[in-house]
Amino acid sequence: MKAVVISILFLFFGMWAQAALPPQFSECLSDLSSTNMSAADVKEIAKVSRVTYCQNQVSLVGKVETQDLLTNPNIQIGISVAKTAYSYTDFLDMARSGKYVLYVDGSRISRDNLISLSQAGVQLVVLASSSGLSKADLLQMASAKSFILNVNATTTQADLRDYLTAGIQLVIRTSQVGLSGAAIGEVAALNSALVTIMP
């Protein structure tokens, strides 16, 4: 299958699995990943290529259209909490249509509702710097179901160890966590299957 690059970015082959990041992980964190393409345009392109569709702005595609896109196995969707206007019930309704990645980059969805979404099949990517979630919140969420924590804020080695013990998959941003390379390496050595290190 040939992949063509346009503004919404196409993904390379990959499967969701523990210790593997979802294909749309990095693409949908980029400021350049937003698009004003219609749902019909996305579906047309998905006939010939796998496509990553990032909803990180209020766009032409609403909940009903997104639910339709989620039924297409060639379309991988990532949705921002902070940059869209969907409610918790909207996110839950969309989860019934198919799997997607929810970027928890804002605090308007409560911890308990995030747990419910995770249990409904939504892959959560929590941004440490902007989610508004405490360490206790994160550990409580992990006790229900594992998720990805994008560690892009100052933290401690002890906290990272606790997150790994709880089964949280960590993406450690070396330039933002405030830890030495040696400290990060020690954390990764505890469970390398759950740790990804990025700049």
N, C-alpha and C. Protein backbone atom coordinates (compact mmCIF):
# COMPACT_ATOMS: atom_id res chain seq x y z
N MET A 1 0.85 -1.18 0.00
CA MET A 1 0.00 0.00 0.00
C MET A 1 0.88 1.23 0.00
N LYS A 2 0.64 2.14 -0.89
CA LYS A 2 1.47 3.33 -1.01
C LYS A 2 0.94 4.43 -0.11
N ALA A 3 1.83 5.11 0.57
CA ALA A 3 1.43 6.22 1.43
C ALA A 3 1.85 7.53 0.79
N VAL A 4 0.94 8.49 0.76
CA VAL A 4 1.20 9.80 0.18
C VAL A 4 1.20 10.82 1.30
N VAL A 5 2.13 11.77 1.27
CA VAL A 5 2.22 12.75 2.34
C VAL A 5 1.45 14.01 1.96
N ILE A 6 0.47 14.41 2.79
CA ILE A 6 -0.21 15.68 2.66
C ILE A 6 -0.30 16.28 4.04
N SER A 7 -1.05 17.36 4.20
CA SER A 7 -1.00 18.10 5.46
C SER A 7 -1.49 17.31 6.66
N ILE A 8 -2.33 16.29 6.46
CA ILE A 8 -2.81 15.55 7.62
C ILE A 8 -1.91 14.37 7.98
N LEU A 9 -0.90 14.12 7.18
CA LEU A 9 0.14 13.15 7.51
C LEU A 9 -0.32 11.70 7.49
N PHE A 10 0.39 10.90 6.73
CA PHE A 10 0.06 9.48 6.66
C PHE A 10 1.00 8.67 7.54
N LEU A 11 0.47 7.62 8.09
CA LEU A 11 1.27 6.84 9.02
C LEU A 11 1.92 5.67 8.32
N PHE A 12 2.99 5.22 8.94
CA PHE A 12 3.64 4.02 8.47
C PHE A 12 2.99 2.83 9.15
N PHE A 13 3.28 1.64 8.65
CA PHE A 13 2.63 0.45 9.17
C PHE A 13 2.99 0.24 10.63
N GLY A 14 2.00 -0.11 11.43
CA GLY A 14 2.24 -0.34 12.84
C GLY A 14 0.97 -0.81 13.51
N MET A 15 1.14 -1.49 14.62
CA MET A 15 0.00 -1.99 15.38
C MET A 15 0.09 -1.45 16.79
N TRP A 16 -1.07 -1.18 17.39
CA TRP A 16 -1.08 -0.78 18.79
C TRP A 16 -0.68 -1.98 19.64
N ALA A 17 0.22 -1.78 20.56
CA ALA A 17 0.63 -2.86 21.46
C ALA A 17 1.31 -2.23 22.65
N GLN A 18 1.35 -2.96 23.73
CA GLN A 18 2.08 -2.47 24.88
C GLN A 18 3.53 -2.25 24.48
N ALA A 19 4.09 -1.14 24.95
CA ALA A 19 5.47 -0.76 24.67
C ALA A 19 5.64 -0.20 23.27
N ALA A 20 4.58 -0.09 22.50
CA ALA A 20 4.65 0.54 21.19
C ALA A 20 3.71 1.74 21.19
N LEU A 21 4.20 2.85 20.68
CA LEU A 21 3.36 4.04 20.63
C LEU A 21 2.36 3.91 19.50
N PRO A 22 1.15 4.48 19.66
CA PRO A 22 0.20 4.45 18.56
C PRO A 22 0.77 5.18 17.36
N PRO A 23 0.44 4.77 16.14
CA PRO A 23 1.04 5.36 14.95
C PRO A 23 0.89 6.88 14.88
N GLN A 24 -0.21 7.41 15.41
CA GLN A 24 -0.43 8.85 15.31
C GLN A 24 0.18 9.64 16.45
N PHE A 25 0.96 8.98 17.32
CA PHE A 25 1.44 9.64 18.53
C PHE A 25 2.17 10.95 18.23
N SER A 26 3.29 10.88 17.53
CA SER A 26 4.09 12.08 17.30
C SER A 26 3.43 13.03 16.31
N GLU A 27 2.77 12.47 15.30
CA GLU A 27 2.15 13.32 14.29
C GLU A 27 1.14 14.28 14.91
N CYS A 28 0.30 13.79 15.80
CA CYS A 28 -0.76 14.62 16.34
C CYS A 28 -0.29 15.54 17.46
N LEU A 29 0.95 15.40 17.90
CA LEU A 29 1.52 16.34 18.85
C LEU A 29 2.13 17.54 18.14
N SER A 30 2.28 17.44 16.83
CA SER A 30 2.90 18.50 16.06
C SER A 30 1.93 19.65 15.81
N ASP A 31 2.44 20.87 15.86
CA ASP A 31 1.61 22.04 15.56
C ASP A 31 1.23 22.10 14.09
N LEU A 32 1.89 21.31 13.26
CA LEU A 32 1.63 21.34 11.82
C LEU A 32 0.65 20.26 11.38
N SER A 33 0.04 19.56 12.33
CA SER A 33 -0.77 18.39 11.98
C SER A 33 -2.24 18.71 11.75
N SER A 34 -2.67 19.94 12.00
CA SER A 34 -4.08 20.27 11.83
C SER A 34 -4.42 20.39 10.35
N THR A 35 -5.69 20.23 10.02
CA THR A 35 -6.13 20.30 8.64
C THR A 35 -7.57 20.77 8.58
N ASN A 36 -7.94 21.35 7.46
CA ASN A 36 -9.33 21.75 7.24
C ASN A 36 -10.00 20.86 6.20
N MET A 37 -9.44 19.69 5.96
CA MET A 37 -10.05 18.77 5.01
C MET A 37 -11.39 18.28 5.54
N SER A 38 -12.30 18.00 4.64
CA SER A 38 -13.61 17.48 5.02
C SER A 38 -13.52 15.98 5.28
N ALA A 39 -14.55 15.44 5.93
CA ALA A 39 -14.60 14.00 6.16
C ALA A 39 -14.61 13.24 4.85
N ALA A 40 -15.31 13.79 3.86
CA ALA A 40 -15.38 13.13 2.55
C ALA A 40 -14.00 13.06 1.91
N ASP A 41 -13.20 14.12 2.05
CA ASP A 41 -11.84 14.12 1.50
C ASP A 41 -10.99 13.05 2.18
N VAL A 42 -11.10 12.97 3.51
CA VAL A 42 -10.31 11.99 4.25
C VAL A 42 -10.70 10.57 3.84
N LYS A 43 -11.98 10.31 3.71
CA LYS A 43 -12.45 8.98 3.30
C LYS A 43 -11.99 8.63 1.89
N GLU A 44 -11.96 9.62 1.01
CA GLU A 44 -11.52 9.37 -0.36
C GLU A 44 -10.05 8.98 -0.38
N ILE A 45 -9.23 9.69 0.37
CA ILE A 45 -7.80 9.37 0.43
C ILE A 45 -7.58 8.00 1.08
N ALA A 46 -8.40 7.67 2.08
CA ALA A 46 -8.25 6.39 2.79
C ALA A 46 -8.54 5.19 1.90
N LYS A 47 -9.11 5.43 0.72
CA LYS A 47 -9.33 4.32 -0.21
C LYS A 47 -8.02 3.79 -0.77
N VAL A 48 -6.98 4.64 -0.78
CA VAL A 48 -5.71 4.24 -1.39
C VAL A 48 -4.53 4.28 -0.42
N SER A 49 -4.73 4.79 0.79
CA SER A 49 -3.62 4.90 1.72
C SER A 49 -4.12 4.94 3.15
N ARG A 50 -3.33 4.42 4.06
CA ARG A 50 -3.62 4.63 5.47
C ARG A 50 -3.38 6.10 5.79
N VAL A 51 -4.21 6.65 6.65
CA VAL A 51 -4.10 8.07 6.94
C VAL A 51 -4.29 8.36 8.42
N THR A 52 -3.49 9.28 8.92
CA THR A 52 -3.65 9.76 10.29
C THR A 52 -4.38 11.08 10.24
N TYR A 53 -5.50 11.16 10.93
CA TYR A 53 -6.29 12.39 10.96
C TYR A 53 -6.24 12.95 12.37
N CYS A 54 -5.68 14.14 12.51
CA CYS A 54 -5.50 14.77 13.82
C CYS A 54 -6.52 15.87 14.03
N GLN A 55 -7.33 15.74 15.06
CA GLN A 55 -8.27 16.80 15.41
C GLN A 55 -7.68 17.60 16.57
N ASN A 56 -6.93 18.64 16.23
CA ASN A 56 -6.38 19.51 17.26
C ASN A 56 -6.79 20.96 17.01
N GLN A 57 -7.99 21.10 16.50
CA GLN A 57 -8.64 22.39 16.35
C GLN A 57 -10.13 22.12 16.12
N VAL A 58 -10.96 23.12 16.34
CA VAL A 58 -12.37 22.99 15.98
C VAL A 58 -12.43 23.05 14.46
N SER A 59 -12.83 21.96 13.81
CA SER A 59 -12.69 21.86 12.36
C SER A 59 -14.02 21.61 11.68
N LEU A 60 -13.93 21.32 10.40
CA LEU A 60 -15.12 21.05 9.60
C LEU A 60 -15.75 19.71 9.95
N VAL A 61 -14.99 18.86 10.63
CA VAL A 61 -15.45 17.51 10.95
C VAL A 61 -15.96 17.47 12.38
N GLY A 62 -17.25 17.17 12.56
CA GLY A 62 -17.85 17.10 13.88
C GLY A 62 -17.97 15.69 14.39
N LYS A 63 -18.75 15.50 15.45
CA LYS A 63 -18.84 14.19 16.09
C LYS A 63 -19.39 13.12 15.15
N VAL A 64 -20.46 13.41 14.47
CA VAL A 64 -21.08 12.40 13.60
C VAL A 64 -20.12 11.98 12.50
N GLU A 65 -19.45 12.96 11.89
CA GLU A 65 -18.49 12.64 10.83
C GLU A 65 -17.31 11.85 11.39
N THR A 66 -16.87 12.21 12.58
CA THR A 66 -15.76 11.48 13.21
C THR A 66 -16.15 10.04 13.50
N GLN A 67 -17.37 9.84 13.97
CA GLN A 67 -17.85 8.47 14.21
C GLN A 67 -17.81 7.65 12.93
N ASP A 68 -18.16 8.27 11.82
CA ASP A 68 -18.13 7.58 10.54
C ASP A 68 -16.69 7.24 10.15
N LEU A 69 -15.77 8.19 10.35
CA LEU A 69 -14.36 7.94 10.03
C LEU A 69 -13.79 6.81 10.88
N LEU A 70 -14.24 6.72 12.13
CA LEU A 70 -13.71 5.70 13.04
C LEU A 70 -14.06 4.28 12.61
N THR A 71 -15.05 4.12 11.76
CA THR A 71 -15.42 2.79 11.29
C THR A 71 -14.51 2.31 10.16
N ASN A 72 -13.65 3.21 9.65
CA ASN A 72 -12.76 2.87 8.54
C ASN A 72 -11.41 2.42 9.09
N PRO A 73 -11.01 1.17 8.86
CA PRO A 73 -9.75 0.67 9.42
C PRO A 73 -8.51 1.35 8.85
N ASN A 74 -8.64 2.07 7.76
CA ASN A 74 -7.51 2.76 7.17
C ASN A 74 -7.28 4.15 7.76
N ILE A 75 -8.16 4.58 8.67
CA ILE A 75 -8.05 5.92 9.24
C ILE A 75 -7.74 5.82 10.73
N GLN A 76 -6.61 6.37 11.14
CA GLN A 76 -6.23 6.44 12.55
C GLN A 76 -6.47 7.87 13.02
N ILE A 77 -7.18 8.04 14.12
CA ILE A 77 -7.59 9.37 14.56
C ILE A 77 -7.00 9.70 15.93
N GLY A 78 -6.49 10.92 16.04
CA GLY A 78 -6.04 11.46 17.31
C GLY A 78 -6.80 12.74 17.60
N ILE A 79 -7.32 12.89 18.82
CA ILE A 79 -8.16 14.04 19.16
C ILE A 79 -7.62 14.73 20.41
N SER A 80 -7.52 16.05 20.35
CA SER A 80 -7.07 16.85 21.48
C SER A 80 -8.25 17.22 22.37
N VAL A 81 -8.07 17.12 23.68
CA VAL A 81 -9.09 17.59 24.63
C VAL A 81 -9.16 19.11 24.63
N ALA A 82 -8.00 19.75 24.71
CA ALA A 82 -7.95 21.20 24.89
C ALA A 82 -8.33 21.98 23.63
N LYS A 83 -8.06 21.40 22.46
CA LYS A 83 -8.22 22.17 21.23
C LYS A 83 -9.49 21.82 20.46
N THR A 84 -10.35 21.01 21.05
CA THR A 84 -11.65 20.72 20.46
C THR A 84 -12.73 21.02 21.49
N ALA A 85 -13.98 20.98 21.05
CA ALA A 85 -15.08 21.34 21.96
C ALA A 85 -15.92 20.14 22.36
N TYR A 86 -15.44 18.92 22.13
CA TYR A 86 -16.22 17.73 22.45
C TYR A 86 -16.40 17.58 23.97
N SER A 87 -17.56 17.09 24.35
CA SER A 87 -17.84 16.80 25.76
C SER A 87 -17.44 15.36 26.08
N TYR A 88 -17.49 15.02 27.35
CA TYR A 88 -17.22 13.64 27.76
C TYR A 88 -18.15 12.67 27.05
N THR A 89 -19.44 13.00 26.97
CA THR A 89 -20.39 12.10 26.30
C THR A 89 -20.09 11.98 24.82
N ASP A 90 -19.60 13.06 24.20
CA ASP A 90 -19.19 12.99 22.80
C ASP A 90 -18.05 11.99 22.64
N PHE A 91 -17.05 12.11 23.50
CA PHE A 91 -15.91 11.19 23.43
C PHE A 91 -16.36 9.75 23.64
N LEU A 92 -17.29 9.54 24.56
CA LEU A 92 -17.78 8.19 24.83
C LEU A 92 -18.56 7.65 23.64
N ASP A 93 -19.40 8.49 23.04
CA ASP A 93 -20.14 8.07 21.84
C ASP A 93 -19.19 7.68 20.72
N MET A 94 -18.12 8.46 20.54
CA MET A 94 -17.16 8.15 19.48
C MET A 94 -16.43 6.85 19.77
N ALA A 95 -16.19 6.56 21.04
CA ALA A 95 -15.50 5.31 21.40
C ALA A 95 -16.32 4.10 20.99
N ARG A 96 -17.62 4.25 20.93
CA ARG A 96 -18.48 3.13 20.52
C ARG A 96 -18.36 2.85 19.02
N SER A 97 -17.81 3.81 18.28
CA SER A 97 -17.68 3.64 16.83
C SER A 97 -16.34 3.05 16.43
N GLY A 98 -15.32 3.24 17.26
CA GLY A 98 -13.99 2.71 16.93
C GLY A 98 -12.93 3.25 17.86
N LYS A 99 -11.73 2.72 17.71
CA LYS A 99 -10.61 3.12 18.58
C LYS A 99 -9.99 4.43 18.09
N TYR A 100 -9.60 5.26 19.04
CA TYR A 100 -8.88 6.48 18.71
C TYR A 100 -7.98 6.86 19.87
N VAL A 101 -7.07 7.79 19.61
CA VAL A 101 -6.18 8.30 20.64
C VAL A 101 -6.72 9.63 21.14
N LEU A 102 -6.83 9.77 22.45
CA LEU A 102 -7.27 11.03 23.06
C LEU A 102 -6.08 11.67 23.76
N TYR A 103 -5.71 12.85 23.30
CA TYR A 103 -4.61 13.60 23.90
C TYR A 103 -5.15 14.44 25.05
N VAL A 104 -4.80 14.08 26.26
CA VAL A 104 -5.30 14.78 27.45
C VAL A 104 -4.35 15.95 27.71
N ASP A 105 -4.59 17.04 26.97
CA ASP A 105 -3.74 18.23 27.04
C ASP A 105 -4.48 19.40 27.68
N GLY A 106 -5.56 19.09 28.38
CA GLY A 106 -6.34 20.09 29.10
C GLY A 106 -7.07 19.40 30.24
N SER A 107 -7.66 20.19 31.12
CA SER A 107 -8.21 19.63 32.36
C SER A 107 -9.74 19.56 32.39
N ARG A 108 -10.42 19.75 31.26
CA ARG A 108 -11.88 19.82 31.33
C ARG A 108 -12.58 18.46 31.41
N ILE A 109 -11.84 17.37 31.21
CA ILE A 109 -12.40 16.03 31.39
C ILE A 109 -11.87 15.49 32.71
N SER A 110 -12.76 15.11 33.61
CA SER A 110 -12.34 14.69 34.95
C SER A 110 -11.58 13.37 34.92
N ARG A 111 -10.86 13.12 36.00
CA ARG A 111 -10.11 11.87 36.13
C ARG A 111 -11.03 10.67 35.98
N ASP A 112 -12.17 10.67 36.67
CA ASP A 112 -13.07 9.52 36.62
C ASP A 112 -13.64 9.32 35.22
N ASN A 113 -13.92 10.41 34.51
CA ASN A 113 -14.41 10.28 33.14
C ASN A 113 -13.32 9.78 32.21
N LEU A 114 -12.09 10.18 32.46
CA LEU A 114 -10.98 9.65 31.66
C LEU A 114 -10.83 8.15 31.88
N ILE A 115 -11.01 7.71 33.11
CA ILE A 115 -10.97 6.27 33.39
C ILE A 115 -12.06 5.55 32.61
N SER A 116 -13.25 6.11 32.59
CA SER A 116 -14.36 5.50 31.85
C SER A 116 -14.06 5.43 30.36
N LEU A 117 -13.46 6.48 29.82
CA LEU A 117 -13.11 6.48 28.40
C LEU A 117 -12.05 5.43 28.10
N SER A 118 -11.07 5.31 28.98
CA SER A 118 -10.03 4.31 28.80
C SER A 118 -10.62 2.90 28.82
N GLN A 119 -11.54 2.67 29.73
CA GLN A 119 -12.18 1.35 29.82
C GLN A 119 -13.09 1.08 28.63
N ALA A 120 -13.51 2.16 27.94
CA ALA A 120 -14.34 2.01 26.75
C ALA A 120 -13.51 1.78 25.49
N GLY A 121 -12.18 1.75 25.64
CA GLY A 121 -11.31 1.45 24.51
C GLY A 121 -10.53 2.62 23.95
N VAL A 122 -10.66 3.79 24.56
CA VAL A 122 -9.91 4.95 24.10
C VAL A 122 -8.46 4.86 24.59
N GLN A 123 -7.50 5.08 23.69
CA GLN A 123 -6.09 5.12 24.07
C GLN A 123 -5.76 6.51 24.58
N LEU A 124 -5.47 6.64 25.86
CA LEU A 124 -5.16 7.94 26.45
C LEU A 124 -3.68 8.25 26.34
N VAL A 125 -3.38 9.47 25.90
CA VAL A 125 -2.03 10.02 25.95
C VAL A 125 -2.12 11.26 26.82
N VAL A 126 -1.60 11.18 28.03
CA VAL A 126 -1.69 12.28 28.99
C VAL A 126 -0.43 13.14 28.89
N LEU A 127 -0.61 14.44 28.70
CA LEU A 127 0.51 15.37 28.67
C LEU A 127 0.73 15.92 30.07
N ALA A 128 1.87 15.58 30.65
CA ALA A 128 2.12 15.93 32.04
C ALA A 128 2.05 17.44 32.29
N SER A 129 2.45 18.23 31.31
CA SER A 129 2.55 19.67 31.51
C SER A 129 1.21 20.39 31.50
N SER A 130 0.18 19.79 30.90
CA SER A 130 -1.07 20.54 30.70
C SER A 130 -2.34 19.78 31.04
N SER A 131 -2.23 18.55 31.52
CA SER A 131 -3.43 17.75 31.78
C SER A 131 -4.18 18.18 33.03
N GLY A 132 -3.47 18.82 33.96
CA GLY A 132 -4.09 19.20 35.23
C GLY A 132 -4.27 18.04 36.19
N LEU A 133 -3.67 16.89 35.88
CA LEU A 133 -3.80 15.70 36.71
C LEU A 133 -2.63 15.60 37.69
N SER A 134 -2.92 15.23 38.92
CA SER A 134 -1.88 15.05 39.92
C SER A 134 -1.27 13.65 39.81
N LYS A 135 -0.19 13.43 40.54
CA LYS A 135 0.40 12.10 40.57
C LYS A 135 -0.60 11.08 41.10
N ALA A 136 -1.36 11.46 42.12
CA ALA A 136 -2.37 10.55 42.67
C ALA A 136 -3.42 10.21 41.62
N ASP A 137 -3.82 11.21 40.82
CA ASP A 137 -4.78 10.97 39.74
C ASP A 137 -4.22 9.96 38.74
N LEU A 138 -2.98 10.17 38.34
CA LEU A 138 -2.36 9.29 37.35
C LEU A 138 -2.27 7.85 37.85
N LEU A 139 -1.90 7.69 39.11
CA LEU A 139 -1.80 6.33 39.67
C LEU A 139 -3.17 5.69 39.79
N GLN A 140 -4.19 6.49 40.11
CA GLN A 140 -5.55 5.96 40.18
C GLN A 140 -6.02 5.52 38.80
N MET A 141 -5.71 6.31 37.78
CA MET A 141 -6.06 5.94 36.41
C MET A 141 -5.37 4.66 35.99
N ALA A 142 -4.09 4.53 36.35
CA ALA A 142 -3.32 3.35 35.97
C ALA A 142 -3.85 2.09 36.64
N SER A 143 -4.45 2.24 37.82
CA SER A 143 -5.00 1.07 38.51
C SER A 143 -6.20 0.51 37.77
N ALA A 144 -6.82 1.35 36.93
CA ALA A 144 -7.97 0.90 36.14
C ALA A 144 -7.52 0.36 34.79
N LYS A 145 -6.61 1.09 34.13
CA LYS A 145 -6.09 0.65 32.83
C LYS A 145 -4.86 1.47 32.49
N SER A 146 -3.89 0.83 31.88
CA SER A 146 -2.65 1.51 31.54
C SER A 146 -2.88 2.56 30.45
N PHE A 147 -2.01 3.55 30.41
CA PHE A 147 -2.09 4.61 29.41
C PHE A 147 -0.68 5.12 29.15
N ILE A 148 -0.57 6.08 28.24
CA ILE A 148 0.72 6.68 27.92
C ILE A 148 0.83 8.03 28.61
N LEU A 149 1.94 8.26 29.29
CA LEU A 149 2.21 9.55 29.92
C LEU A 149 3.36 10.21 29.18
N ASN A 150 3.06 11.32 28.52
CA ASN A 150 4.08 12.11 27.84
C ASN A 150 4.71 13.03 28.89
N VAL A 151 5.89 12.68 29.36
CA VAL A 151 6.51 13.40 30.47
C VAL A 151 7.26 14.61 29.90
N ASN A 152 6.53 15.72 29.78
CA ASN A 152 7.10 16.94 29.20
C ASN A 152 7.10 18.08 30.21
N ALA A 153 7.32 17.72 31.47
CA ALA A 153 7.41 18.70 32.55
C ALA A 153 8.41 18.19 33.58
N THR A 154 8.93 19.09 34.40
CA THR A 154 9.90 18.70 35.42
C THR A 154 9.30 17.66 36.37
N THR A 155 10.08 16.63 36.64
CA THR A 155 9.61 15.56 37.51
C THR A 155 10.79 15.02 38.31
N THR A 156 10.55 13.97 39.07
CA THR A 156 11.63 13.35 39.84
C THR A 156 11.82 11.91 39.39
N GLN A 157 12.98 11.39 39.66
CA GLN A 157 13.26 10.00 39.34
C GLN A 157 12.34 9.08 40.13
N ALA A 158 12.04 9.44 41.36
CA ALA A 158 11.16 8.62 42.19
C ALA A 158 9.75 8.55 41.59
N ASP A 159 9.25 9.68 41.10
CA ASP A 159 7.93 9.69 40.48
C ASP A 159 7.90 8.79 39.25
N LEU A 160 8.93 8.87 38.43
CA LEU A 160 8.98 8.04 37.23
C LEU A 160 9.00 6.56 37.60
N ARG A 161 9.74 6.22 38.64
CA ARG A 161 9.76 4.82 39.10
C ARG A 161 8.36 4.38 39.54
N ASP A 162 7.66 5.25 40.25
CA ASP A 162 6.31 4.92 40.71
C ASP A 162 5.37 4.72 39.53
N TYR A 163 5.51 5.56 38.51
CA TYR A 163 4.65 5.42 37.33
C TYR A 163 4.91 4.09 36.63
N LEU A 164 6.18 3.72 36.51
CA LEU A 164 6.50 2.44 35.88
C LEU A 164 5.96 1.27 36.69
N THR A 165 6.10 1.35 37.99
CA THR A 165 5.58 0.29 38.86
C THR A 165 4.08 0.12 38.68
N ALA A 166 3.40 1.23 38.40
CA ALA A 166 1.95 1.20 38.20
C ALA A 166 1.56 0.72 36.80
N GLY A 167 2.56 0.53 35.92
CA GLY A 167 2.28 0.04 34.58
C GLY A 167 2.03 1.12 33.55
N ILE A 168 2.35 2.37 33.88
CA ILE A 168 2.16 3.47 32.94
C ILE A 168 3.29 3.46 31.92
N GLN A 169 2.94 3.59 30.64
CA GLN A 169 3.94 3.68 29.59
C GLN A 169 4.45 5.12 29.53
N LEU A 170 5.76 5.30 29.61
CA LEU A 170 6.34 6.64 29.69
C LEU A 170 7.02 7.04 28.40
N VAL A 171 6.76 8.26 27.97
CA VAL A 171 7.54 8.90 26.91
C VAL A 171 8.26 10.06 27.60
N ILE A 172 9.55 9.90 27.81
CA ILE A 172 10.33 10.88 28.58
C ILE A 172 10.98 11.87 27.63
N ARG A 173 10.62 13.14 27.79
CA ARG A 173 11.20 14.23 26.99
C ARG A 173 12.45 14.74 27.73
N THR A 174 13.61 14.35 27.24
CA THR A 174 14.85 14.60 27.97
C THR A 174 15.12 16.08 28.22
N SER A 175 14.67 16.94 27.31
CA SER A 175 14.95 18.37 27.46
C SER A 175 13.98 19.07 28.40
N GLN A 176 12.97 18.35 28.89
CA GLN A 176 11.93 19.00 29.69
C GLN A 176 11.75 18.43 31.09
N VAL A 177 12.30 17.26 31.36
CA VAL A 177 12.03 16.61 32.65
C VAL A 177 12.94 17.08 33.78
N GLY A 178 14.05 17.73 33.45
CA GLY A 178 14.95 18.23 34.49
C GLY A 178 15.78 17.16 35.17
N LEU A 179 16.03 16.06 34.47
CA LEU A 179 16.84 14.97 35.02
C LEU A 179 18.07 14.74 34.17
N SER A 180 19.11 14.22 34.78
CA SER A 180 20.34 13.92 34.04
C SER A 180 20.13 12.70 33.15
N GLY A 181 21.02 12.55 32.18
CA GLY A 181 20.95 11.39 31.31
C GLY A 181 21.11 10.10 32.09
N ALA A 182 21.96 10.13 33.11
CA ALA A 182 22.18 8.94 33.93
C ALA A 182 20.91 8.56 34.68
N ALA A 183 20.21 9.55 35.22
CA ALA A 183 18.98 9.28 35.96
C ALA A 183 17.90 8.72 35.04
N ILE A 184 17.80 9.29 33.85
CA ILE A 184 16.82 8.79 32.88
C ILE A 184 17.16 7.36 32.48
N GLY A 185 18.45 7.09 32.29
CA GLY A 185 18.87 5.74 31.93
C GLY A 185 18.55 4.74 33.02
N GLU A 186 18.70 5.13 34.27
CA GLU A 186 18.37 4.23 35.38
C GLU A 186 16.88 3.91 35.39
N VAL A 187 16.06 4.91 35.10
CA VAL A 187 14.61 4.68 35.05
C VAL A 187 14.28 3.72 33.91
N ALA A 188 14.85 3.98 32.74
CA ALA A 188 14.56 3.13 31.58
C ALA A 188 14.98 1.68 31.82
N ALA A 189 16.06 1.50 32.57
CA ALA A 189 16.56 0.14 32.83
C ALA A 189 15.61 -0.66 33.71
N LEU A 190 14.74 0.02 34.44
CA LEU A 190 13.79 -0.68 35.31
C LEU A 190 12.77 -1.48 34.50
N ASN A 191 12.36 -0.92 33.36
CA ASN A 191 11.40 -1.61 32.50
C ASN A 191 11.46 -0.96 31.12
N SER A 192 12.45 -1.34 30.34
CA SER A 192 12.67 -0.71 29.04
C SER A 192 11.48 -0.90 28.09
N ALA A 193 10.67 -1.92 28.34
CA ALA A 193 9.52 -2.17 27.47
C ALA A 193 8.46 -1.08 27.61
N LEU A 194 8.50 -0.35 28.72
CA LEU A 194 7.49 0.69 28.95
C LEU A 194 8.05 2.10 28.81
N VAL A 195 9.29 2.23 28.37
CA VAL A 195 9.91 3.56 28.32
C VAL A 195 10.36 3.89 26.90
N THR A 196 9.97 5.07 26.44
CA THR A 196 10.48 5.64 25.19
C THR A 196 11.14 6.96 25.55
N ILE A 197 12.33 7.19 25.04
CA ILE A 197 13.05 8.43 25.34
C ILE A 197 13.12 9.28 24.08
N MET A 198 12.68 10.52 24.20
CA MET A 198 12.68 11.45 23.07
C MET A 198 13.28 12.78 23.53
N PRO A 199 13.76 13.60 22.57
CA PRO A 199 14.33 14.91 22.93
C PRO A 199 13.29 15.80 23.59
